[in-house]
């Protein structure tokens, strides 16, 4: 993983080897401890590289209301139930809000809102969505991730050839589910893979 700019997705995941809208599941032998047992949503994948957001690593020391206070954004009477996650090591001061984006709602790059592949899922990067959520006007479900994960050209492909990641389809529970400790296991089980058997296999010399 490198500190790369966000690449543009090629054809929104239409190509066979384009992983936009898929999830990566870290193999047990992942050498980078920041991505141990990580499940990563690929938001963009193209010739210039890839950009993803980690789905299962909540930040323990900060909540949504506290973060809004730091940004000077007033909140309503109730603290919105929006988890704050570690999205990746690139631009950790930048927020990425994952939220549902129905098919009849267009993406709007002017508002910082982009659809992820062909999914009914969007990512928004502007302050406006934080203000809306803080005042109870935002999407019904949302996750705020700080930072993202970036790969340079060909880097993700190399890591996959080295058996660093498995790929799977994304699901609502992987994105918005509250049990982050189960997401890695559940993502593997969606492939028919027993996490215990995989861990044992990876540990053999």
N, C-alpha and C. Protein backbone atom coordinates (compact mmCIF):
# COMPACT_ATOMS: atom_id res chain seq x y z
N UNK A 1 0.83 -1.19 0.00
CA UNK A 1 0.00 0.00 0.00
C UNK A 1 0.87 1.24 0.00
N UNK A 2 0.50 2.24 -0.78
CA UNK A 2 1.30 3.45 -0.88
C UNK A 2 0.44 4.68 -0.77
N UNK A 3 1.09 5.80 -0.54
CA UNK A 3 0.38 7.07 -0.45
C UNK A 3 0.16 7.62 -1.85
N UNK A 4 -0.85 7.13 -2.53
CA UNK A 4 -1.11 7.53 -3.91
C UNK A 4 -2.39 8.35 -3.98
N UNK A 5 -2.51 9.21 -5.01
CA UNK A 5 -3.78 9.91 -5.22
C UNK A 5 -4.88 8.90 -5.56
N UNK A 6 -6.13 9.31 -5.39
CA UNK A 6 -7.24 8.43 -5.73
C UNK A 6 -7.32 8.28 -7.24
N UNK A 7 -7.23 7.05 -7.74
CA UNK A 7 -7.30 6.85 -9.19
C UNK A 7 -8.74 6.85 -9.67
N UNK A 8 -8.89 7.07 -10.96
CA UNK A 8 -10.21 6.95 -11.56
C UNK A 8 -10.49 5.50 -11.86
N UNK A 9 -11.75 5.08 -11.66
CA UNK A 9 -12.12 3.70 -11.99
C UNK A 9 -12.33 3.58 -13.49
N UNK A 10 -11.88 2.48 -14.06
CA UNK A 10 -12.07 2.25 -15.48
C UNK A 10 -13.39 1.54 -15.69
N UNK A 11 -14.32 2.21 -16.39
CA UNK A 11 -15.61 1.61 -16.74
C UNK A 11 -16.39 1.13 -15.52
N UNK A 12 -16.12 1.74 -14.36
CA UNK A 12 -16.90 1.44 -13.16
C UNK A 12 -16.97 -0.05 -12.88
N UNK A 13 -15.87 -0.74 -13.06
CA UNK A 13 -15.83 -2.16 -12.70
C UNK A 13 -16.33 -3.09 -13.77
N UNK A 14 -16.48 -2.59 -14.99
CA UNK A 14 -17.04 -3.45 -16.03
C UNK A 14 -16.03 -4.48 -16.52
N UNK A 15 -14.76 -4.13 -16.50
CA UNK A 15 -13.77 -5.08 -16.99
C UNK A 15 -13.67 -6.27 -16.06
N UNK A 16 -13.28 -7.42 -16.65
CA UNK A 16 -13.28 -8.66 -15.89
C UNK A 16 -12.35 -8.57 -14.68
N UNK A 17 -11.17 -7.92 -14.86
CA UNK A 17 -10.20 -7.87 -13.79
C UNK A 17 -10.28 -6.58 -12.99
N UNK A 18 -11.30 -5.81 -13.21
CA UNK A 18 -11.47 -4.58 -12.45
C UNK A 18 -12.21 -4.92 -11.16
N UNK A 19 -11.65 -4.53 -10.03
CA UNK A 19 -12.19 -4.91 -8.72
C UNK A 19 -13.05 -3.84 -8.09
N UNK A 20 -13.38 -2.78 -8.82
CA UNK A 20 -14.24 -1.75 -8.25
C UNK A 20 -15.55 -2.36 -7.76
N UNK A 21 -15.90 -2.07 -6.52
CA UNK A 21 -17.12 -2.59 -5.93
C UNK A 21 -16.97 -3.95 -5.28
N UNK A 22 -15.79 -4.54 -5.35
CA UNK A 22 -15.52 -5.81 -4.67
C UNK A 22 -14.87 -5.54 -3.31
N UNK A 23 -14.77 -6.59 -2.51
CA UNK A 23 -14.03 -6.46 -1.26
C UNK A 23 -12.80 -7.36 -1.29
N UNK A 24 -11.74 -6.87 -0.65
CA UNK A 24 -10.54 -7.66 -0.44
C UNK A 24 -10.56 -8.19 0.97
N UNK A 25 -10.12 -9.43 1.14
CA UNK A 25 -10.03 -10.06 2.46
C UNK A 25 -8.57 -10.40 2.70
N UNK A 26 -7.99 -9.82 3.74
CA UNK A 26 -6.57 -10.05 4.01
C UNK A 26 -6.34 -11.51 4.38
N UNK A 27 -5.32 -12.10 3.80
CA UNK A 27 -4.92 -13.45 4.17
C UNK A 27 -4.23 -13.41 5.54
N UNK A 28 -4.24 -14.54 6.27
CA UNK A 28 -3.66 -14.55 7.61
C UNK A 28 -2.19 -14.13 7.66
N UNK A 29 -1.46 -14.31 6.56
CA UNK A 29 -0.05 -13.95 6.56
C UNK A 29 0.23 -12.50 6.20
N UNK A 30 -0.80 -11.64 6.19
CA UNK A 30 -0.61 -10.23 5.86
C UNK A 30 0.51 -9.63 6.70
N UNK A 31 1.53 -9.09 6.03
CA UNK A 31 2.71 -8.61 6.74
C UNK A 31 2.51 -7.24 7.39
N UNK A 32 1.61 -6.44 6.87
CA UNK A 32 1.37 -5.10 7.41
C UNK A 32 0.34 -5.21 8.54
N UNK A 33 0.73 -4.93 9.79
CA UNK A 33 -0.22 -5.10 10.91
C UNK A 33 -1.44 -4.21 10.82
N UNK A 34 -1.36 -3.13 10.10
CA UNK A 34 -2.52 -2.24 9.95
C UNK A 34 -3.64 -2.92 9.18
N UNK A 35 -3.30 -3.95 8.42
CA UNK A 35 -4.29 -4.63 7.59
C UNK A 35 -4.51 -6.08 8.01
N UNK A 36 -4.07 -6.42 9.20
CA UNK A 36 -4.33 -7.77 9.71
C UNK A 36 -5.84 -7.99 9.83
N UNK A 37 -6.32 -9.07 9.23
CA UNK A 37 -7.75 -9.42 9.25
C UNK A 37 -8.62 -8.30 8.68
N UNK A 38 -8.07 -7.52 7.76
CA UNK A 38 -8.84 -6.40 7.19
C UNK A 38 -9.77 -6.87 6.08
N UNK A 39 -10.90 -6.18 5.99
CA UNK A 39 -11.81 -6.31 4.86
C UNK A 39 -11.87 -4.93 4.22
N UNK A 40 -11.52 -4.84 2.95
CA UNK A 40 -11.35 -3.55 2.28
C UNK A 40 -12.28 -3.46 1.08
N UNK A 41 -13.11 -2.43 1.04
CA UNK A 41 -13.96 -2.17 -0.11
C UNK A 41 -13.15 -1.40 -1.15
N UNK A 42 -13.10 -1.93 -2.38
CA UNK A 42 -12.40 -1.24 -3.45
C UNK A 42 -13.36 -0.23 -4.09
N UNK A 43 -13.04 1.04 -3.93
CA UNK A 43 -13.90 2.11 -4.45
C UNK A 43 -13.54 2.50 -5.87
N UNK A 44 -12.30 2.30 -6.25
CA UNK A 44 -11.86 2.63 -7.60
C UNK A 44 -10.65 1.77 -7.95
N UNK A 45 -10.61 1.29 -9.18
CA UNK A 45 -9.52 0.44 -9.64
C UNK A 45 -9.32 0.70 -11.12
N UNK A 46 -8.13 1.08 -11.48
CA UNK A 46 -7.83 1.37 -12.88
C UNK A 46 -6.36 1.18 -13.17
N UNK A 47 -5.95 1.63 -14.34
CA UNK A 47 -4.56 1.45 -14.75
C UNK A 47 -3.60 2.22 -13.84
N UNK A 48 -4.07 3.30 -13.23
CA UNK A 48 -3.20 4.11 -12.38
C UNK A 48 -3.07 3.56 -10.98
N UNK A 49 -3.87 2.58 -10.62
CA UNK A 49 -3.82 2.01 -9.28
C UNK A 49 -5.20 1.76 -8.73
N UNK A 50 -5.30 1.70 -7.42
CA UNK A 50 -6.58 1.39 -6.78
C UNK A 50 -6.71 2.17 -5.48
N UNK A 51 -7.94 2.37 -5.08
CA UNK A 51 -8.26 3.06 -3.84
C UNK A 51 -9.32 2.28 -3.12
N UNK A 52 -9.15 2.05 -1.83
CA UNK A 52 -10.13 1.30 -1.05
C UNK A 52 -10.29 1.87 0.35
N UNK A 53 -11.32 1.39 1.03
CA UNK A 53 -11.62 1.82 2.39
C UNK A 53 -11.80 0.58 3.26
N UNK A 54 -11.06 0.53 4.35
CA UNK A 54 -11.17 -0.59 5.29
C UNK A 54 -12.54 -0.53 5.97
N UNK A 55 -13.20 -1.69 6.09
CA UNK A 55 -14.57 -1.74 6.58
C UNK A 55 -14.71 -2.21 8.03
N UNK A 56 -13.66 -2.74 8.62
CA UNK A 56 -13.86 -3.44 9.90
C UNK A 56 -12.89 -3.02 11.00
N UNK A 57 -12.40 -1.78 10.94
CA UNK A 57 -11.49 -1.33 11.98
C UNK A 57 -11.97 0.01 12.56
N UNK A 58 -12.90 -0.04 13.52
CA UNK A 58 -13.38 1.20 14.14
C UNK A 58 -12.27 1.87 14.94
N UNK A 59 -12.32 3.19 14.99
CA UNK A 59 -11.37 3.94 15.80
C UNK A 59 -11.90 4.03 17.22
N UNK A 60 -11.17 3.51 18.19
CA UNK A 60 -11.72 3.41 19.56
C UNK A 60 -11.72 4.72 20.34
N UNK A 61 -10.93 5.69 19.91
CA UNK A 61 -10.73 6.87 20.75
C UNK A 61 -11.51 8.09 20.31
N UNK A 62 -12.36 7.98 19.30
CA UNK A 62 -13.11 9.14 18.85
C UNK A 62 -14.48 8.71 18.34
N UNK A 63 -15.50 9.47 18.70
CA UNK A 63 -16.85 9.23 18.23
C UNK A 63 -17.26 10.31 17.25
N UNK A 64 -18.42 10.11 16.64
CA UNK A 64 -18.89 11.05 15.63
C UNK A 64 -19.10 12.44 16.23
N UNK A 65 -19.77 12.51 17.38
CA UNK A 65 -20.06 13.82 17.97
C UNK A 65 -18.77 14.56 18.33
N UNK A 66 -17.81 13.83 18.87
CA UNK A 66 -16.53 14.45 19.23
C UNK A 66 -15.83 14.98 17.99
N UNK A 67 -15.87 14.21 16.93
CA UNK A 67 -15.23 14.65 15.69
C UNK A 67 -15.93 15.88 15.12
N UNK A 68 -17.27 15.90 15.18
CA UNK A 68 -18.00 17.06 14.71
C UNK A 68 -17.64 18.30 15.53
N UNK A 69 -17.46 18.12 16.83
CA UNK A 69 -17.07 19.24 17.69
C UNK A 69 -15.71 19.78 17.26
N UNK A 70 -14.79 18.88 16.92
CA UNK A 70 -13.46 19.32 16.47
C UNK A 70 -13.54 20.08 15.15
N UNK A 71 -14.51 19.72 14.31
CA UNK A 71 -14.68 20.37 13.02
C UNK A 71 -15.55 21.62 13.10
N UNK A 72 -16.11 21.88 14.28
CA UNK A 72 -16.98 23.04 14.43
C UNK A 72 -18.34 22.85 13.80
N UNK A 73 -18.80 21.62 13.71
CA UNK A 73 -20.11 21.31 13.13
C UNK A 73 -21.07 20.99 14.28
N UNK A 74 -22.12 21.80 14.47
CA UNK A 74 -23.05 21.52 15.57
C UNK A 74 -23.86 20.26 15.30
N UNK A 75 -24.14 19.52 16.35
CA UNK A 75 -24.98 18.33 16.24
C UNK A 75 -26.34 18.61 16.86
N UNK A 76 -27.31 17.77 16.53
CA UNK A 76 -28.64 17.91 17.08
C UNK A 76 -28.71 17.42 18.51
N UNK A 77 -29.92 17.20 18.97
CA UNK A 77 -30.11 16.77 20.35
C UNK A 77 -29.58 15.36 20.60
N UNK A 78 -29.58 14.52 19.56
CA UNK A 78 -29.11 13.15 19.71
C UNK A 78 -27.86 12.93 18.87
N UNK A 79 -26.93 12.17 19.43
CA UNK A 79 -25.71 11.84 18.71
C UNK A 79 -26.05 10.83 17.62
N UNK A 80 -25.86 11.17 16.34
CA UNK A 80 -26.19 10.20 15.27
C UNK A 80 -25.37 8.93 15.42
N UNK A 81 -25.99 7.78 15.22
CA UNK A 81 -25.27 6.50 15.38
C UNK A 81 -24.38 6.20 14.17
N UNK A 82 -23.39 7.03 13.97
CA UNK A 82 -22.49 6.88 12.84
C UNK A 82 -21.12 6.47 13.35
N UNK A 83 -20.68 5.25 13.05
CA UNK A 83 -19.36 4.82 13.52
C UNK A 83 -18.26 5.55 12.77
N UNK A 84 -17.12 5.70 13.44
CA UNK A 84 -15.94 6.31 12.83
C UNK A 84 -14.88 5.22 12.71
N UNK A 85 -14.42 4.98 11.50
CA UNK A 85 -13.51 3.89 11.21
C UNK A 85 -12.16 4.39 10.71
N UNK A 86 -11.15 3.55 10.85
CA UNK A 86 -9.89 3.69 10.15
C UNK A 86 -10.10 3.22 8.73
N UNK A 87 -10.01 4.14 7.77
CA UNK A 87 -10.22 3.76 6.38
C UNK A 87 -8.96 3.34 5.67
N UNK A 88 -7.81 3.78 6.22
CA UNK A 88 -6.52 3.46 5.62
C UNK A 88 -5.51 4.52 6.01
N UNK A 89 -4.25 4.29 5.70
CA UNK A 89 -3.19 5.20 6.15
C UNK A 89 -2.98 6.43 5.30
N UNK A 90 -3.62 6.51 4.13
CA UNK A 90 -3.43 7.65 3.24
C UNK A 90 -4.40 8.76 3.61
N UNK A 91 -3.90 9.98 3.76
CA UNK A 91 -4.71 11.15 4.10
C UNK A 91 -5.62 10.86 5.30
N UNK A 92 -5.04 10.53 6.46
CA UNK A 92 -5.87 10.17 7.62
C UNK A 92 -6.72 11.31 8.17
N UNK A 93 -6.45 12.52 7.75
CA UNK A 93 -7.28 13.65 8.18
C UNK A 93 -8.46 13.91 7.26
N UNK A 94 -8.62 13.12 6.24
CA UNK A 94 -9.70 13.29 5.28
C UNK A 94 -10.80 12.28 5.54
N UNK A 95 -12.05 12.73 5.49
CA UNK A 95 -13.17 11.86 5.78
C UNK A 95 -13.85 11.34 4.52
N UNK A 96 -14.27 10.08 4.58
CA UNK A 96 -14.99 9.44 3.49
C UNK A 96 -16.25 8.82 4.09
N UNK A 97 -17.42 9.25 3.65
CA UNK A 97 -18.67 8.74 4.17
C UNK A 97 -19.24 7.73 3.20
N UNK A 98 -19.33 6.48 3.63
CA UNK A 98 -20.01 5.44 2.86
C UNK A 98 -21.48 5.45 3.22
N UNK A 99 -22.34 5.40 2.21
CA UNK A 99 -23.78 5.49 2.46
C UNK A 99 -24.53 4.88 1.29
N UNK A 100 -25.79 4.47 1.50
CA UNK A 100 -26.59 3.96 0.39
C UNK A 100 -26.78 5.05 -0.67
N UNK A 101 -26.78 4.63 -1.92
CA UNK A 101 -27.06 5.54 -3.04
C UNK A 101 -27.96 4.79 -4.02
N UNK A 102 -29.29 4.96 -3.86
CA UNK A 102 -30.23 4.23 -4.71
C UNK A 102 -29.95 4.46 -6.19
N UNK A 103 -30.36 3.49 -6.99
CA UNK A 103 -30.07 3.55 -8.41
C UNK A 103 -30.65 4.74 -9.12
N UNK A 104 -31.74 5.32 -8.58
CA UNK A 104 -32.35 6.46 -9.25
C UNK A 104 -31.75 7.79 -8.80
N UNK A 105 -30.74 7.74 -7.93
CA UNK A 105 -30.04 8.95 -7.51
C UNK A 105 -28.70 9.02 -8.22
N UNK A 106 -28.46 10.10 -8.96
CA UNK A 106 -27.19 10.19 -9.69
C UNK A 106 -26.03 10.51 -8.77
N UNK A 107 -24.85 10.10 -9.21
CA UNK A 107 -23.67 10.58 -8.50
C UNK A 107 -23.47 12.04 -8.88
N UNK A 108 -22.73 12.76 -8.07
CA UNK A 108 -22.52 14.18 -8.31
C UNK A 108 -21.12 14.53 -7.84
N UNK A 109 -20.18 14.51 -8.76
CA UNK A 109 -18.80 14.77 -8.38
C UNK A 109 -18.62 16.19 -7.88
N UNK A 110 -19.51 17.11 -8.29
CA UNK A 110 -19.46 18.47 -7.77
C UNK A 110 -19.75 18.53 -6.29
N UNK A 111 -20.54 17.58 -5.80
CA UNK A 111 -20.85 17.48 -4.37
C UNK A 111 -19.95 16.46 -3.68
N UNK A 112 -18.97 15.96 -4.40
CA UNK A 112 -18.07 14.97 -3.82
C UNK A 112 -18.71 13.61 -3.62
N UNK A 113 -19.79 13.31 -4.36
CA UNK A 113 -20.50 12.04 -4.21
C UNK A 113 -20.30 11.19 -5.45
N UNK A 114 -19.77 9.99 -5.25
CA UNK A 114 -19.45 9.10 -6.36
C UNK A 114 -20.06 7.74 -6.08
N UNK A 115 -20.67 7.15 -7.09
CA UNK A 115 -21.19 5.79 -6.97
C UNK A 115 -20.04 4.80 -7.09
N UNK A 116 -20.08 3.75 -6.29
CA UNK A 116 -19.03 2.73 -6.30
C UNK A 116 -19.46 1.60 -7.21
N UNK A 117 -18.80 1.50 -8.36
CA UNK A 117 -19.16 0.48 -9.33
C UNK A 117 -20.62 0.59 -9.72
N UNK A 118 -21.26 -0.54 -9.89
CA UNK A 118 -22.69 -0.55 -10.20
C UNK A 118 -23.55 -0.77 -8.98
N UNK A 119 -22.98 -0.57 -7.79
CA UNK A 119 -23.69 -0.83 -6.54
C UNK A 119 -24.61 0.33 -6.17
N UNK A 120 -25.58 0.03 -5.32
CA UNK A 120 -26.39 1.10 -4.74
C UNK A 120 -25.68 1.62 -3.49
N UNK A 121 -24.48 2.10 -3.71
CA UNK A 121 -23.60 2.52 -2.63
C UNK A 121 -22.75 3.67 -3.14
N UNK A 122 -22.64 4.70 -2.30
CA UNK A 122 -21.84 5.85 -2.69
C UNK A 122 -20.84 6.22 -1.61
N UNK A 123 -19.88 7.02 -2.01
CA UNK A 123 -18.92 7.60 -1.06
C UNK A 123 -18.91 9.10 -1.29
N UNK A 124 -19.05 9.85 -0.22
CA UNK A 124 -19.08 11.30 -0.29
C UNK A 124 -17.97 11.87 0.58
N UNK A 125 -17.32 12.91 0.07
CA UNK A 125 -16.14 13.43 0.74
C UNK A 125 -16.28 14.89 1.18
N UNK A 126 -17.46 15.48 1.03
CA UNK A 126 -17.60 16.90 1.35
C UNK A 126 -18.17 17.11 2.75
N UNK A 127 -17.95 18.29 3.26
CA UNK A 127 -18.41 18.67 4.59
C UNK A 127 -19.94 18.67 4.68
N UNK A 128 -20.61 18.93 3.55
CA UNK A 128 -22.07 19.03 3.56
C UNK A 128 -22.74 17.79 4.14
N UNK A 129 -22.24 16.62 3.77
CA UNK A 129 -22.90 15.40 4.25
C UNK A 129 -22.71 15.24 5.75
N UNK A 130 -21.58 15.68 6.28
CA UNK A 130 -21.37 15.62 7.72
C UNK A 130 -22.35 16.55 8.44
N UNK A 131 -22.56 17.73 7.89
CA UNK A 131 -23.51 18.67 8.47
C UNK A 131 -24.92 18.10 8.44
N UNK A 132 -25.29 17.46 7.32
CA UNK A 132 -26.62 16.86 7.21
C UNK A 132 -26.80 15.74 8.23
N UNK A 133 -25.80 14.88 8.37
CA UNK A 133 -25.89 13.78 9.33
C UNK A 133 -25.99 14.33 10.74
N UNK A 134 -25.19 15.33 11.04
CA UNK A 134 -25.17 15.90 12.40
C UNK A 134 -26.52 16.49 12.78
N UNK A 135 -27.27 16.98 11.78
CA UNK A 135 -28.56 17.58 12.04
C UNK A 135 -29.73 16.64 11.76
N UNK A 136 -29.42 15.36 11.54
CA UNK A 136 -30.47 14.38 11.33
C UNK A 136 -31.08 14.39 9.95
N UNK A 137 -30.42 15.02 8.98
CA UNK A 137 -30.94 15.10 7.61
C UNK A 137 -30.19 14.17 6.66
N UNK A 138 -29.25 13.43 7.17
CA UNK A 138 -28.39 12.62 6.31
C UNK A 138 -29.01 11.29 5.94
N UNK A 139 -28.23 10.43 5.30
CA UNK A 139 -28.72 9.09 4.92
C UNK A 139 -29.06 8.26 6.14
N UNK A 140 -29.94 7.28 5.93
CA UNK A 140 -30.38 6.42 7.04
C UNK A 140 -29.22 5.64 7.64
N UNK A 141 -28.28 5.22 6.81
CA UNK A 141 -27.13 4.47 7.29
C UNK A 141 -25.87 5.11 6.71
N UNK A 142 -24.84 5.18 7.53
CA UNK A 142 -23.60 5.78 7.07
C UNK A 142 -22.45 5.33 7.96
N UNK A 143 -21.27 5.29 7.37
CA UNK A 143 -20.04 5.03 8.11
C UNK A 143 -19.04 6.11 7.69
N UNK A 144 -18.44 6.75 8.67
CA UNK A 144 -17.41 7.75 8.40
C UNK A 144 -16.05 7.12 8.56
N UNK A 145 -15.27 7.10 7.50
CA UNK A 145 -13.93 6.53 7.54
C UNK A 145 -12.91 7.65 7.40
N UNK A 146 -11.89 7.61 8.24
CA UNK A 146 -10.80 8.58 8.14
C UNK A 146 -9.63 7.94 7.42
N UNK A 147 -9.25 8.54 6.30
CA UNK A 147 -8.18 8.00 5.49
C UNK A 147 -8.67 6.94 4.52
N UNK A 148 -7.78 6.57 3.63
CA UNK A 148 -8.10 5.49 2.68
C UNK A 148 -6.85 4.68 2.41
N UNK A 149 -7.03 3.61 1.68
CA UNK A 149 -5.94 2.72 1.32
C UNK A 149 -5.65 2.87 -0.17
N UNK A 150 -4.39 3.08 -0.52
CA UNK A 150 -4.04 3.30 -1.91
C UNK A 150 -2.98 2.34 -2.41
N UNK A 151 -3.08 1.96 -3.67
CA UNK A 151 -2.10 1.13 -4.35
C UNK A 151 -1.66 1.84 -5.62
N UNK A 152 -0.38 1.81 -5.92
CA UNK A 152 0.10 2.34 -7.18
C UNK A 152 -0.21 1.41 -8.33
N UNK A 153 0.16 1.84 -9.53
CA UNK A 153 -0.13 1.05 -10.73
C UNK A 153 0.47 -0.35 -10.61
N UNK A 154 -0.36 -1.36 -10.74
CA UNK A 154 0.07 -2.74 -10.71
C UNK A 154 0.37 -3.30 -9.33
N UNK A 155 0.32 -2.46 -8.30
CA UNK A 155 0.71 -2.94 -6.97
C UNK A 155 -0.31 -3.90 -6.38
N UNK A 156 -1.59 -3.58 -6.51
CA UNK A 156 -2.61 -4.48 -5.98
C UNK A 156 -2.56 -5.82 -6.69
N UNK A 157 -2.38 -5.79 -8.00
CA UNK A 157 -2.30 -7.03 -8.76
C UNK A 157 -1.13 -7.89 -8.27
N UNK A 158 -0.01 -7.24 -7.98
CA UNK A 158 1.15 -7.98 -7.47
C UNK A 158 0.87 -8.61 -6.11
N UNK A 159 0.19 -7.86 -5.24
CA UNK A 159 -0.13 -8.39 -3.92
C UNK A 159 -1.09 -9.57 -4.01
N UNK A 160 -2.00 -9.51 -4.98
CA UNK A 160 -2.93 -10.62 -5.14
C UNK A 160 -2.24 -11.85 -5.70
N UNK A 161 -1.30 -11.65 -6.62
CA UNK A 161 -0.53 -12.78 -7.15
C UNK A 161 0.33 -13.42 -6.07
N UNK A 162 0.71 -12.62 -5.07
CA UNK A 162 1.48 -13.14 -3.95
C UNK A 162 0.59 -13.71 -2.85
N UNK A 163 -0.70 -13.88 -3.15
CA UNK A 163 -1.67 -14.45 -2.21
C UNK A 163 -1.83 -13.61 -0.95
N UNK A 164 -1.77 -12.28 -1.13
CA UNK A 164 -2.00 -11.40 0.02
C UNK A 164 -3.47 -11.17 0.30
N UNK A 165 -4.31 -11.31 -0.73
CA UNK A 165 -5.73 -11.01 -0.59
C UNK A 165 -6.59 -12.04 -1.30
N UNK A 166 -7.79 -12.25 -0.76
CA UNK A 166 -8.86 -12.92 -1.47
C UNK A 166 -9.89 -11.86 -1.86
N UNK A 167 -10.71 -12.14 -2.85
CA UNK A 167 -11.75 -11.20 -3.26
C UNK A 167 -13.12 -11.83 -3.05
N UNK A 168 -14.10 -10.97 -2.73
CA UNK A 168 -15.47 -11.43 -2.50
C UNK A 168 -16.43 -10.31 -2.87
N UNK A 169 -17.70 -10.67 -2.92
CA UNK A 169 -18.74 -9.67 -3.16
C UNK A 169 -19.01 -8.91 -1.86
N UNK A 170 -19.37 -7.66 -2.02
CA UNK A 170 -19.69 -6.85 -0.86
C UNK A 170 -21.15 -7.09 -0.45
N UNK A 171 -21.45 -6.86 0.83
CA UNK A 171 -22.80 -6.97 1.34
C UNK A 171 -23.04 -5.88 2.37
N UNK A 172 -24.31 -5.59 2.63
CA UNK A 172 -24.64 -4.52 3.58
C UNK A 172 -24.01 -4.74 4.94
N UNK A 173 -24.00 -5.99 5.41
CA UNK A 173 -23.47 -6.25 6.75
C UNK A 173 -21.97 -5.95 6.82
N UNK A 174 -21.25 -6.18 5.73
CA UNK A 174 -19.82 -5.88 5.74
C UNK A 174 -19.57 -4.38 5.83
N UNK A 175 -20.49 -3.59 5.30
CA UNK A 175 -20.31 -2.14 5.32
C UNK A 175 -20.90 -1.52 6.57
N UNK A 176 -22.16 -1.84 6.84
CA UNK A 176 -22.89 -1.13 7.89
C UNK A 176 -23.11 -1.96 9.16
N UNK A 177 -22.75 -3.22 9.15
CA UNK A 177 -22.94 -4.06 10.33
C UNK A 177 -22.12 -3.58 11.51
N UNK A 178 -22.66 -3.78 12.71
CA UNK A 178 -22.01 -3.28 13.92
C UNK A 178 -20.95 -4.23 14.46
N UNK A 179 -21.02 -5.51 14.08
CA UNK A 179 -20.10 -6.49 14.64
C UNK A 179 -18.83 -6.56 13.78
N UNK A 180 -17.95 -5.58 13.99
CA UNK A 180 -16.74 -5.52 13.17
C UNK A 180 -15.81 -6.71 13.41
N UNK A 181 -15.87 -7.27 14.61
CA UNK A 181 -15.02 -8.41 14.91
C UNK A 181 -15.37 -9.65 14.10
N UNK A 182 -16.57 -9.69 13.52
CA UNK A 182 -17.00 -10.86 12.74
C UNK A 182 -16.84 -10.66 11.23
N UNK A 183 -16.56 -9.46 10.78
CA UNK A 183 -16.62 -9.19 9.35
C UNK A 183 -15.60 -10.00 8.56
N UNK A 184 -14.39 -10.15 9.08
CA UNK A 184 -13.36 -10.92 8.36
C UNK A 184 -13.81 -12.37 8.23
N UNK A 185 -14.29 -12.95 9.34
CA UNK A 185 -14.76 -14.34 9.30
C UNK A 185 -15.95 -14.48 8.36
N UNK A 186 -16.89 -13.54 8.43
CA UNK A 186 -18.08 -13.64 7.60
C UNK A 186 -17.75 -13.49 6.12
N UNK A 187 -16.79 -12.60 5.81
CA UNK A 187 -16.39 -12.42 4.42
C UNK A 187 -15.77 -13.70 3.87
N UNK A 188 -14.95 -14.37 4.68
CA UNK A 188 -14.37 -15.64 4.25
C UNK A 188 -15.44 -16.71 4.08
N UNK A 189 -16.37 -16.75 5.01
CA UNK A 189 -17.42 -17.76 4.93
C UNK A 189 -18.31 -17.56 3.71
N UNK A 190 -18.43 -16.31 3.24
CA UNK A 190 -19.21 -16.06 2.03
C UNK A 190 -18.58 -16.72 0.81
N UNK A 191 -17.28 -17.05 0.92
CA UNK A 191 -16.57 -17.76 -0.15
C UNK A 191 -16.54 -19.27 0.10
N UNK A 192 -17.14 -19.70 1.21
CA UNK A 192 -17.07 -21.10 1.57
C UNK A 192 -15.75 -21.49 2.20
N UNK A 193 -15.03 -20.50 2.74
CA UNK A 193 -13.71 -20.73 3.34
C UNK A 193 -13.85 -20.75 4.86
N UNK A 194 -13.31 -21.77 5.49
CA UNK A 194 -13.30 -21.87 6.94
C UNK A 194 -12.11 -21.06 7.46
N UNK A 195 -12.34 -19.97 8.21
CA UNK A 195 -11.23 -19.14 8.69
C UNK A 195 -10.22 -19.93 9.51
N UNK A 196 -10.68 -20.91 10.30
CA UNK A 196 -9.75 -21.68 11.12
C UNK A 196 -8.84 -22.54 10.25
N UNK A 197 -9.41 -23.17 9.23
CA UNK A 197 -8.60 -23.99 8.33
C UNK A 197 -7.62 -23.13 7.55
N UNK A 198 -8.06 -21.92 7.14
CA UNK A 198 -7.20 -21.04 6.39
C UNK A 198 -6.03 -20.59 7.26
N UNK A 199 -6.31 -20.24 8.52
CA UNK A 199 -5.25 -19.80 9.43
C UNK A 199 -4.24 -20.92 9.67
N UNK A 200 -4.74 -22.15 9.82
CA UNK A 200 -3.85 -23.27 10.07
C UNK A 200 -2.96 -23.53 8.84
N UNK A 201 -3.57 -23.44 7.66
CA UNK A 201 -2.81 -23.67 6.43
C UNK A 201 -1.74 -22.61 6.25
N UNK A 202 -2.10 -21.35 6.55
CA UNK A 202 -1.14 -20.26 6.36
C UNK A 202 0.01 -20.35 7.35
N UNK A 203 -0.19 -21.03 8.46
CA UNK A 203 0.83 -21.10 9.48
C UNK A 203 1.84 -22.21 9.28
N UNK A 204 1.62 -23.07 8.27
CA UNK A 204 2.54 -24.18 8.04
C UNK A 204 3.77 -23.72 7.27
N UNK A 205 4.90 -24.30 7.61
CA UNK A 205 6.15 -23.96 6.92
C UNK A 205 6.20 -24.68 5.58
